[in-house]
Amino acid sequence: MRNQAFRIRRFKNRNGVFSWRIDGRLGGIRLRRNFRTPEEAAAEKAALEIKALQTASSLRAITTCLTEDQVRDAEAAFRRVAEHGRSLSSWVDFALANYREPAHRKLLAEAVTQFVAAKQHEHEQDLLSEAHLVRLRRQLNRLQLHFPGATVAELTAPQLVDILSGDWPRVRLFNNRRGIISTFLKYALQRDWITENPLVKIPAHRMRRRRSAARTLTAQQAEEPMTYVEQQQGGCAVPFFALCLFAGIRPVSAPARFSGCGPSTYGWPRI
């Protein structure tokens, strides 16, 4: 049975005295209560309506030292963790044990400026090419445009995936972008601007390497020119041919003293 709304009306008693009566139902039971003043009746009506709402739903009136915003936050947290089968306190304990606040909150723009300055110093020491420095600046400027006003610690793996593959780059370009941003984040990690590198969760794409089309000589084919060289000029050209054969050296020209002493049957340079 539904709870009817509580009403307040003026009521005349048998002794002729007027009072204010509350009339309604609570949990299927009819309630009638008389009060001397309308203020007392209004206060009781409010209390009965709250009790009726609690009876009809799962709401409970609990005395707490939390503010209204804190209560709403706690209720939202309970709803989020309910489906995982663990208590809210267990999640709080896990967060307190594992979460580490960055030692320094560094703005992304300031971090990029400091990182580029360090790479510029490496370039001046001839440790970094000009082309790589240009690509590094371009990619980090692109990163700043996507996160204006953000700190380095606010960068997450899903956001970085959008940056790396936003314009559908080729695999090589994706890997190049990832390498530059990963180097920057490692630099930030060393300075405690972040507690972990989010790019660890974003692996680089595997690339199929093209195999060389160079023809490999068999042992018999390698033995024939070496035997020939040993018989020419006392074998003085053996070290030279051995380097060409086993170290893969292919000289454009050879010393003049060996001119005309070898065949070109196997693609060897005539020396």
C-alpha atoms as a PDB file:
ATOM      1  CA  MET A   1       0.000   0.000   0.000  1.00  0.00           C
ATOM      2  CA  ARG A   2       1.367   3.391  -0.956  1.00  0.00           C
ATOM      3  CA  ASN A   3       1.970   6.077   1.650  1.00  0.00           C
ATOM      4  CA  GLN A   4      -0.461   8.941   1.240  1.00  0.00           C
ATOM      5  CA  ALA A   5       0.703  12.528   1.605  1.00  0.00           C
ATOM      6  CA  PHE A   6       0.371  13.903   5.113  1.00  0.00           C
ATOM      7  CA  ARG A   7      -2.114  16.709   5.525  1.00  0.00           C
ATOM      8  CA  ILE A   8      -2.488  19.350   8.217  1.00  0.00           C
ATOM      9  CA  ARG A   9      -5.927  20.657   9.063  1.00  0.00           C
ATOM     10  CA  ARG A  10      -7.533  22.580  11.850  1.00  0.00           C
ATOM     11  CA  PHE A  11      -9.529  20.306  14.150  1.00  0.00           C
ATOM     12  CA  LYS A  12     -12.036  21.102  16.905  1.00  0.00           C
ATOM     13  CA  ASN A  13     -11.884  18.826  19.913  1.00  0.00           C
ATOM     14  CA  ARG A  14     -14.860  17.760  22.017  1.00  0.00           C
ATOM     15  CA  ASN A  15     -13.979  20.265  24.703  1.00  0.00           C
ATOM     16  CA  GLY A  16     -14.223  23.052  22.111  1.00  0.00           C
ATOM     17  CA  VAL A  17     -10.480  23.699  21.914  1.00  0.00           C
ATOM     18  CA  PHE A  18      -8.984  23.895  18.429  1.00  0.00           C
ATOM     19  CA  SER A  19      -5.816  22.042  17.500  1.00  0.00           C
ATOM     20  CA  TRP A  20      -3.865  21.186  14.377  1.00  0.00           C
ATOM     21  CA  ARG A  21      -4.166  17.599  13.212  1.00  0.00           C
ATOM     22  CA  ILE A  22      -1.791  15.650  10.935  1.00  0.00           C
ATOM     23  CA  ASP A  23      -3.504  12.924   8.971  1.00  0.00           C
ATOM     24  CA  GLY A  24      -1.840  10.350   6.705  1.00  0.00           C
ATOM     25  CA  ARG A  25      -0.472   6.793   6.325  1.00  0.00           C
ATOM     26  CA  LEU A  26       2.946   5.391   7.146  1.00  0.00           C
ATOM     27  CA  GLY A  27       3.770   1.825   6.095  1.00  0.00           C
ATOM     28  CA  GLY A  28       0.077   1.080   5.564  1.00  0.00           C
ATOM     29  CA  ILE A  29      -0.869   2.342   9.050  1.00  0.00           C
ATOM     30  CA  ARG A  30      -3.007   5.433   9.389  1.00  0.00           C
ATOM     31  CA  LEU A  31      -1.622   8.149  11.662  1.00  0.00           C
ATOM     32  CA  ARG A  32      -3.537  10.971  13.361  1.00  0.00           C
ATOM     33  CA  ARG A  33      -1.747  13.359  15.658  1.00  0.00           C
ATOM     34  CA  ASN A  34      -2.914  16.656  17.179  1.00  0.00           C
ATOM     35  CA  PHE A  35      -0.689  19.665  17.979  1.00  0.00           C
ATOM     36  CA  ARG A  36      -1.412  22.944  19.680  1.00  0.00           C
ATOM     37  CA  THR A  37       0.271  25.175  17.109  1.00  0.00           C
ATOM     38  CA  PRO A  38       0.643  24.950  13.311  1.00  0.00           C
ATOM     39  CA  GLU A  39       4.444  25.212  13.665  1.00  0.00           C
ATOM     40  CA  GLU A  40       4.605  22.034  15.732  1.00  0.00           C
ATOM     41  CA  ALA A  41       2.361  20.280  13.238  1.00  0.00           C
ATOM     42  CA  ALA A  42       4.530  21.395  10.295  1.00  0.00           C
ATOM     43  CA  ALA A  43       7.704  20.099  11.970  1.00  0.00           C
ATOM     44  CA  GLU A  44       6.093  16.731  12.683  1.00  0.00           C
ATOM     45  CA  LYS A  45       4.767  16.538   9.121  1.00  0.00           C
ATOM     46  CA  ALA A  46       8.308  17.046   7.737  1.00  0.00           C
ATOM     47  CA  ALA A  47       9.702  14.318  10.011  1.00  0.00           C
ATOM     48  CA  LEU A  48       6.948  11.889   8.988  1.00  0.00           C
ATOM     49  CA  GLU A  49       7.517  12.551   5.287  1.00  0.00           C
ATOM     50  CA  ILE A  50      11.241  11.772   5.679  1.00  0.00           C
ATOM     51  CA  LYS A  51      10.392   8.570   7.506  1.00  0.00           C
ATOM     52  CA  ALA A  52       7.904   7.626   4.798  1.00  0.00           C
ATOM     53  CA  LEU A  53      10.549   8.219   2.114  1.00  0.00           C
ATOM     54  CA  GLN A  54      13.011   6.023   3.982  1.00  0.00           C
ATOM     55  CA  THR A  55      10.425   3.276   4.291  1.00  0.00           C
ATOM     56  CA  ALA A  56       9.632   3.349   0.585  1.00  0.00           C
ATOM     57  CA  SER A  57      13.278   3.364  -0.547  1.00  0.00           C
ATOM     58  CA  SER A  58      16.748   2.369   0.604  1.00  0.00           C
ATOM     59  CA  LEU A  59      17.575   5.806   1.996  1.00  0.00           C
ATOM     60  CA  ARG A  60      18.668   5.990   5.610  1.00  0.00           C
ATOM     61  CA  ALA A  61      19.138   8.941   7.915  1.00  0.00           C
ATOM     62  CA  ILE A  62      22.639   8.614   9.408  1.00  0.00           C
ATOM     63  CA  THR A  63      24.474  11.045  11.626  1.00  0.00           C
ATOM     64  CA  THR A  64      27.849  11.853  10.053  1.00  0.00           C
ATOM     65  CA  CYS A  65      30.610  14.435  10.281  1.00  0.00           C
ATOM     66  CA  LEU A  66      31.013  14.484   6.492  1.00  0.00           C
ATOM     67  CA  THR A  67      29.895  17.457   4.459  1.00  0.00           C
ATOM     68  CA  GLU A  68      27.214  17.086   1.818  1.00  0.00           C
ATOM     69  CA  ASP A  69      29.803  17.092  -0.990  1.00  0.00           C
ATOM     70  CA  GLN A  70      31.856  14.430   0.800  1.00  0.00           C
ATOM     71  CA  VAL A  71      28.771  12.241   1.231  1.00  0.00           C
ATOM     72  CA  ARG A  72      27.976  12.539  -2.480  1.00  0.00           C
ATOM     73  CA  ASP A  73      31.592  11.690  -3.331  1.00  0.00           C
ATOM     74  CA  ALA A  74      31.496   8.613  -1.074  1.00  0.00           C
ATOM     75  CA  GLU A  75      28.229   7.439  -2.618  1.00  0.00           C
ATOM     76  CA  ALA A  76      29.676   7.808  -6.123  1.00  0.00           C
ATOM     77  CA  ALA A  77      32.776   5.858  -5.091  1.00  0.00           C
ATOM     78  CA  PHE A  78      30.669   3.023  -3.653  1.00  0.00           C
ATOM     79  CA  ARG A  79      28.688   2.752  -6.895  1.00  0.00           C
ATOM     80  CA  ARG A  80      31.892   2.554  -8.959  1.00  0.00           C
ATOM     81  CA  VAL A  81      33.524  -0.218  -6.911  1.00  0.00           C
ATOM     82  CA  ALA A  82      30.376  -2.240  -6.196  1.00  0.00           C
ATOM     83  CA  GLU A  83      30.644  -4.298  -9.398  1.00  0.00           C
ATOM     84  CA  HIS A  84      34.229  -5.347  -8.597  1.00  0.00           C
ATOM     85  CA  GLY A  85      33.276  -7.207  -5.442  1.00  0.00           C
ATOM     86  CA  ARG A  86      35.689  -5.386  -3.119  1.00  0.00           C
ATOM     87  CA  SER A  87      35.128  -2.889  -0.353  1.00  0.00           C
ATOM     88  CA  LEU A  88      35.858   0.789  -0.796  1.00  0.00           C
ATOM     89  CA  SER A  89      38.444   0.674   1.984  1.00  0.00           C
ATOM     90  CA  SER A  90      40.452  -2.008   0.118  1.00  0.00           C
ATOM     91  CA  TRP A  91      40.689   0.273  -2.929  1.00  0.00           C
ATOM     92  CA  VAL A  92      41.738   3.184  -0.743  1.00  0.00           C
ATOM     93  CA  ASP A  93      44.439   1.046   0.891  1.00  0.00           C
ATOM     94  CA  PHE A  94      45.737  -0.011  -2.531  1.00  0.00           C
ATOM     95  CA  ALA A  95      45.856   3.597  -3.743  1.00  0.00           C
ATOM     96  CA  LEU A  96      47.680   4.782  -0.630  1.00  0.00           C
ATOM     97  CA  ALA A  97      50.233   1.971  -0.927  1.00  0.00           C
ATOM     98  CA  ASN A  98      50.946   2.330  -4.653  1.00  0.00           C
ATOM     99  CA  TYR A  99      50.218   5.886  -5.721  1.00  0.00           C
ATOM    100  CA  ARG A 100      53.177   8.220  -5.728  1.00  0.00           C
ATOM    101  CA  GLU A 101      52.756  11.933  -6.179  1.00  0.00           C
ATOM    102  CA  PRO A 102      55.330  13.461  -8.546  1.00  0.00           C
ATOM    103  CA  ALA A 103      58.040  15.208  -6.575  1.00  0.00           C
ATOM    104  CA  HIS A 104      57.796  18.257  -8.823  1.00  0.00           C
ATOM    105  CA  ARG A 105      54.819  19.324 -10.900  1.00  0.00           C
ATOM    106  CA  LYS A 106      56.437  20.559 -14.083  1.00  0.00           C
ATOM    107  CA  LEU A 107      54.512  22.340 -16.794  1.00  0.00           C
ATOM    108  CA  LEU A 108      54.850  20.607 -20.148  1.00  0.00           C
ATOM    109  CA  ALA A 109      56.034  23.788 -21.867  1.00  0.00           C
ATOM    110  CA  GLU A 110      58.794  24.325 -19.297  1.00  0.00           C
ATOM    111  CA  ALA A 111      59.860  20.679 -19.453  1.00  0.00           C
ATOM    112  CA  VAL A 112      60.088  20.744 -23.259  1.00  0.00           C
ATOM    113  CA  THR A 113      62.144  23.949 -23.176  1.00  0.00           C
ATOM    114  CA  GLN A 114      64.605  22.425 -20.716  1.00  0.00           C
ATOM    115  CA  PHE A 115      64.811  19.145 -22.664  1.00  0.00           C
ATOM    116  CA  VAL A 116      65.411  20.882 -26.005  1.00  0.00           C
ATOM    117  CA  ALA A 117      68.148  22.998 -24.395  1.00  0.00           C
ATOM    118  CA  ALA A 118      69.888  19.820 -23.215  1.00  0.00           C
ATOM    119  CA  LYS A 119      69.653  18.307 -26.724  1.00  0.00           C
ATOM    120  CA  GLN A 120      70.945  21.559 -28.231  1.00  0.00           C
ATOM    121  CA  HIS A 121      73.992  21.234 -25.988  1.00  0.00           C
ATOM    122  CA  GLU A 122      74.516  17.675 -27.251  1.00  0.00           C
ATOM    123  CA  HIS A 123      74.288  18.971 -30.816  1.00  0.00           C
ATOM    124  CA  GLU A 124      76.952  21.573 -30.102  1.00  0.00           C
ATOM    125  CA  GLN A 125      79.189  18.763 -28.832  1.00  0.00           C
ATOM    126  CA  ASP A 126      78.636  16.935 -32.131  1.00  0.00           C
ATOM    127  CA  LEU A 127      76.686  14.166 -30.349  1.00  0.00           C
ATOM    128  CA  LEU A 128      73.416  14.856 -32.149  1.00  0.00           C
ATOM    129  CA  SER A 129      72.757  15.602 -35.796  1.00  0.00           C
ATOM    130  CA  GLU A 130      71.031  18.768 -36.950  1.00  0.00           C
ATOM    131  CA  ALA A 131      68.316  16.761 -38.728  1.00  0.00           C
ATOM    132  CA  HIS A 132      67.420  14.833 -35.557  1.00  0.00           C
ATOM    133  CA  LEU A 133      67.315  18.043 -33.519  1.00  0.00           C
ATOM    134  CA  VAL A 134      64.867  19.558 -36.021  1.00  0.00           C
ATOM    135  CA  ARG A 135      62.598  16.482 -35.876  1.00  0.00           C
ATOM    136  CA  LEU A 136      62.769  16.511 -32.076  1.00  0.00           C
ATOM    137  CA  ARG A 137      61.662  20.136 -31.868  1.00  0.00           C
ATOM    138  CA  ARG A 138      58.864  19.567 -34.365  1.00  0.00           C
ATOM    139  CA  GLN A 139      57.368  16.608 -32.504  1.00  0.00           C
ATOM    140  CA  LEU A 140      57.611  18.229 -29.068  1.00  0.00           C
ATOM    141  CA  ASN A 141      55.991  21.425 -30.366  1.00  0.00           C
ATOM    142  CA  ARG A 142      53.205  19.238 -31.696  1.00  0.00           C
ATOM    143  CA  LEU A 143      52.880  17.645 -28.259  1.00  0.00           C
ATOM    144  CA  GLN A 144      52.568  21.052 -26.587  1.00  0.00           C
ATOM    145  CA  LEU A 145      49.824  22.153 -28.989  1.00  0.00           C
ATOM    146  CA  HIS A 146      47.696  19.164 -27.958  1.00  0.00           C
ATOM    147  CA  PHE A 147      48.141  19.794 -24.212  1.00  0.00           C
ATOM    148  CA  PRO A 148      48.285  23.555 -23.578  1.00  0.00           C
ATOM    149  CA  GLY A 149      48.752  24.392 -19.919  1.00  0.00           C
ATOM    150  CA  ALA A 150      49.130  20.739 -18.854  1.00  0.00           C
ATOM    151  CA  THR A 151      51.817  19.276 -16.635  1.00  0.00           C
ATOM    152  CA  VAL A 152      54.027  16.367 -17.667  1.00  0.00           C
ATOM    153  CA  ALA A 153      52.414  14.161 -15.005  1.00  0.00           C
ATOM    154  CA  GLU A 154      48.993  14.589 -16.638  1.00  0.00           C
ATOM    155  CA  LEU A 155      50.027  12.783 -19.839  1.00  0.00           C
ATOM    156  CA  THR A 156      48.424   9.339 -20.129  1.00  0.00           C
ATOM    157  CA  ALA A 157      48.919   6.406 -22.499  1.00  0.00           C
ATOM    158  CA  PRO A 158      45.534   6.814 -24.332  1.00  0.00           C
ATOM    159  CA  GLN A 159      46.260  10.497 -24.940  1.00  0.00           C
ATOM    160  CA  LEU A 160      49.707   9.734 -26.303  1.00  0.00           C
ATOM    161  CA  VAL A 161      48.282   7.110 -28.654  1.00  0.00           C
ATOM    162  CA  ASP A 162      46.078   9.815 -30.158  1.00  0.00           C
ATOM    163  CA  ILE A 163      49.128  12.033 -30.631  1.00  0.00           C
ATOM    164  CA  LEU A 164      51.242   9.297 -32.213  1.00  0.00           C
ATOM    165  CA  SER A 165      48.576   8.066 -34.633  1.00  0.00           C
ATOM    166  CA  GLY A 166      46.334  11.112 -35.023  1.00  0.00           C
ATOM    167  CA  ASP A 167      46.995  11.641 -38.739  1.00  0.00           C
ATOM    168  CA  TRP A 168      47.369   7.923 -39.560  1.00  0.00           C
ATOM    169  CA  PRO A 169      51.165   7.949 -40.002  1.00  0.00           C
ATOM    170  CA  ARG A 170      53.170   5.145 -41.493  1.00  0.00           C
ATOM    171  CA  VAL A 171      54.739   2.575 -39.216  1.00  0.00           C
ATOM    172  CA  ARG A 172      58.185   4.137 -39.433  1.00  0.00           C
ATOM    173  CA  LEU A 173      56.839   7.623 -38.646  1.00  0.00           C
ATOM    174  CA  PHE A 174      54.847   6.245 -35.708  1.00  0.00           C
ATOM    175  CA  ASN A 175      57.982   4.619 -34.302  1.00  0.00           C
ATOM    176  CA  ASN A 176      60.029   7.794 -34.850  1.00  0.00           C
ATOM    177  CA  ARG A 177      57.454   9.885 -33.001  1.00  0.00           C
ATOM    178  CA  ARG A 178      57.295   7.359 -30.210  1.00  0.00           C
ATOM    179  CA  GLY A 179      61.073   7.326 -29.879  1.00  0.00           C
ATOM    180  CA  ILE A 180      61.284  11.113 -29.518  1.00  0.00           C
ATOM    181  CA  ILE A 181      58.464  11.354 -26.962  1.00  0.00           C
ATOM    182  CA  SER A 182      59.807   8.346 -25.068  1.00  0.00           C
ATOM    183  CA  THR A 183      63.230   9.988 -24.796  1.00  0.00           C
ATOM    184  CA  PHE A 184      61.568  13.131 -23.464  1.00  0.00           C
ATOM    185  CA  LEU A 185      59.550  11.171 -20.892  1.00  0.00           C
ATOM    186  CA  LYS A 186      62.657   9.280 -19.740  1.00  0.00           C
ATOM    187  CA  TYR A 187      64.289  12.666 -19.213  1.00  0.00           C
ATOM    188  CA  ALA A 188      61.246  13.728 -17.161  1.00  0.00           C
ATOM    189  CA  LEU A 189      61.299  10.490 -15.163  1.00  0.00           C
ATOM    190  CA  GLN A 190      64.924  11.048 -14.161  1.00  0.00           C
ATOM    191  CA  ARG A 191      63.976  14.454 -12.741  1.00  0.00           C
ATOM    192  CA  ASP A 192      60.923  13.198 -10.806  1.00  0.00           C
ATOM    193  CA  TRP A 193      58.456  15.129 -12.950  1.00  0.00           C
ATOM    194  CA  ILE A 194      56.578  11.845 -13.481  1.00  0.00           C
ATOM    195  CA  THR A 195      56.461   8.598 -11.513  1.00  0.00           C
ATOM    196  CA  GLU A 196      56.298   6.277 -14.539  1.00  0.00           C
ATOM    197  CA  ASN A 197      56.705   6.425 -18.292  1.00  0.00           C
ATOM    198  CA  PRO A 198      53.248   5.950 -19.889  1.00  0.00           C
ATOM    199  CA  LEU A 199      54.837   4.989 -23.215  1.00  0.00           C
ATOM    200  CA  VAL A 200      55.870   1.664 -21.695  1.00  0.00           C
ATOM    201  CA  LYS A 201      52.291   0.554 -22.387  1.00  0.00           C
ATOM    202  CA  ILE A 202      52.555   1.604 -26.054  1.00  0.00           C
ATOM    203  CA  PRO A 203      54.947  -0.752 -27.894  1.00  0.00           C
ATOM    204  CA  ALA A 204      56.602   0.244 -31.139  1.00  0.00           C
ATOM    205  CA  HIS A 205      55.332  -1.358 -34.337  1.00  0.00           C
ATOM    206  CA  ARG A 206      57.315  -4.270 -35.684  1.00  0.00           C
ATOM    207  CA  MET A 207      58.809  -3.609 -39.100  1.00  0.00           C
ATOM    208  CA  ARG A 208      59.649  -6.190 -41.705  1.00  0.00           C
ATOM    209  CA  ARG A 209      63.248  -5.755 -42.738  1.00  0.00           C
ATOM    210  CA  ARG A 210      64.152  -6.267 -46.350  1.00  0.00           C
ATOM    211  CA  ARG A 211      66.707  -8.957 -46.877  1.00  0.00           C
ATOM    212  CA  SER A 212      69.755  -8.164 -48.963  1.00  0.00           C
ATOM    213  CA  ALA A 213      69.740  -9.429 -52.526  1.00  0.00           C
ATOM    214  CA  ALA A 214      73.527  -9.872 -52.593  1.00  0.00           C
ATOM    215  CA  ARG A 215      74.618 -13.294 -53.828  1.00  0.00           C
ATOM    216  CA  THR A 216      76.593 -15.389 -51.324  1.00  0.00           C
ATOM    217  CA  LEU A 217      79.614 -17.278 -52.617  1.00  0.00           C
ATOM    218  CA  THR A 218      79.975 -20.944 -51.827  1.00  0.00           C
ATOM    219  CA  ALA A 219      83.143 -22.320 -50.234  1.00  0.00           C
ATOM    220  CA  GLN A 220      84.277 -23.666 -53.595  1.00  0.00           C
ATOM    221  CA  GLN A 221      83.712 -20.316 -55.306  1.00  0.00           C
ATOM    222  CA  ALA A 222      85.668 -18.522 -52.580  1.00  0.00           C
ATOM    223  CA  GLU A 223      88.529 -21.010 -52.759  1.00  0.00           C
ATOM    224  CA  GLU A 224      89.164 -20.499 -56.483  1.00  0.00           C
ATOM    225  CA  PRO A 225      90.135 -16.784 -56.447  1.00  0.00           C
ATOM    226  CA  MET A 226      92.125 -17.185 -53.229  1.00  0.00           C
ATOM    227  CA  THR A 227      94.132 -20.027 -54.818  1.00  0.00           C
ATOM    228  CA  TYR A 228      94.781 -17.844 -57.847  1.00  0.00           C
ATOM    229  CA  VAL A 229      95.956 -14.889 -55.703  1.00  0.00           C
ATOM    230  CA  GLU A 230      98.336 -17.090 -53.710  1.00  0.00           C
ATOM    231  CA  GLN A 231     100.109 -17.983 -56.952  1.00  0.00           C
ATOM    232  CA  GLN A 232     100.576 -14.365 -58.084  1.00  0.00           C
ATOM    233  CA  GLN A 233     103.604 -12.282 -57.045  1.00  0.00           C
ATOM    234  CA  GLY A 234     104.407 -14.530 -54.129  1.00  0.00           C
ATOM    235  CA  GLY A 235     100.945 -14.172 -52.636  1.00  0.00           C
ATOM    236  CA  CYS A 236     101.461 -10.542 -51.619  1.00  0.00           C
ATOM    237  CA  ALA A 237      97.829  -9.706 -52.448  1.00  0.00           C
ATOM    238  CA  VAL A 238      96.346 -12.452 -50.235  1.00  0.00           C
ATOM    239  CA  PRO A 239      95.621 -10.147 -47.236  1.00  0.00           C
ATOM    240  CA  PHE A 240      93.893  -7.651 -49.498  1.00  0.00           C
ATOM    241  CA  PHE A 241      91.674 -10.283 -51.117  1.00  0.00           C
ATOM    242  CA  ALA A 242      90.976 -11.921 -47.740  1.00  0.00           C
ATOM    243  CA  LEU A 243      89.588  -8.628 -46.422  1.00  0.00           C
ATOM    244  CA  CYS A 244      87.459  -8.188 -49.510  1.00  0.00           C
ATOM    245  CA  LEU A 245      86.126 -11.741 -49.253  1.00  0.00           C
ATOM    246  CA  PHE A 246      85.484 -12.162 -45.517  1.00  0.00           C
ATOM    247  CA  ALA A 247      84.930  -8.568 -44.353  1.00  0.00           C
ATOM    248  CA  GLY A 248      82.723  -7.558 -47.258  1.00  0.00           C
ATOM    249  CA  ILE A 249      84.993  -4.739 -48.433  1.00  0.00           C
ATOM    250  CA  ARG A 250      84.370  -3.758 -52.039  1.00  0.00           C
ATOM    251  CA  PRO A 251      87.006  -1.171 -53.092  1.00  0.00           C
ATOM    252  CA  VAL A 252      86.415   1.075 -56.057  1.00  0.00           C
ATOM    253  CA  SER A 253      90.053   0.863 -57.030  1.00  0.00           C
ATOM    254  CA  ALA A 254      93.078  -1.092 -55.850  1.00  0.00           C
ATOM    255  CA  PRO A 255      96.767  -0.348 -55.394  1.00  0.00           C
ATOM    256  CA  ALA A 256      98.531   0.040 -58.710  1.00  0.00           C
ATOM    257  CA  ARG A 257     101.120  -2.613 -57.871  1.00  0.00           C
ATOM    258  CA  PHE A 258      98.354  -5.298 -58.050  1.00  0.00           C
ATOM    259  CA  SER A 259      97.073  -4.095 -61.407  1.00  0.00           C
ATOM    260  CA  GLY A 260      96.100  -6.861 -63.746  1.00  0.00           C
ATOM    261  CA  CYS A 261      96.756  -9.776 -61.376  1.00  0.00           C
ATOM    262  CA  GLY A 262      93.198 -11.098 -60.835  1.00  0.00           C
ATOM    263  CA  PRO A 263      90.111 -12.247 -62.742  1.00  0.00           C
ATOM    264  CA  SER A 264      86.635 -10.711 -62.539  1.00  0.00           C
ATOM    265  CA  THR A 265      84.709 -13.957 -62.955  1.00  0.00           C
ATOM    266  CA  TYR A 266      82.894 -13.618 -59.608  1.00  0.00           C
ATOM    267  CA  GLY A 267      82.288  -9.912 -59.690  1.00  0.00           C
ATOM    268  CA  TRP A 268      85.638  -9.089 -58.065  1.00  0.00           C
ATOM    269  CA  PRO A 269      87.153  -5.735 -58.999  1.00  0.00           C
ATOM    270  CA  ARG A 270      90.045  -6.137 -61.364  1.00  0.00           C
ATOM    271  CA  ILE A 271      93.074  -5.068 -59.323  1.00  0.00           C
END
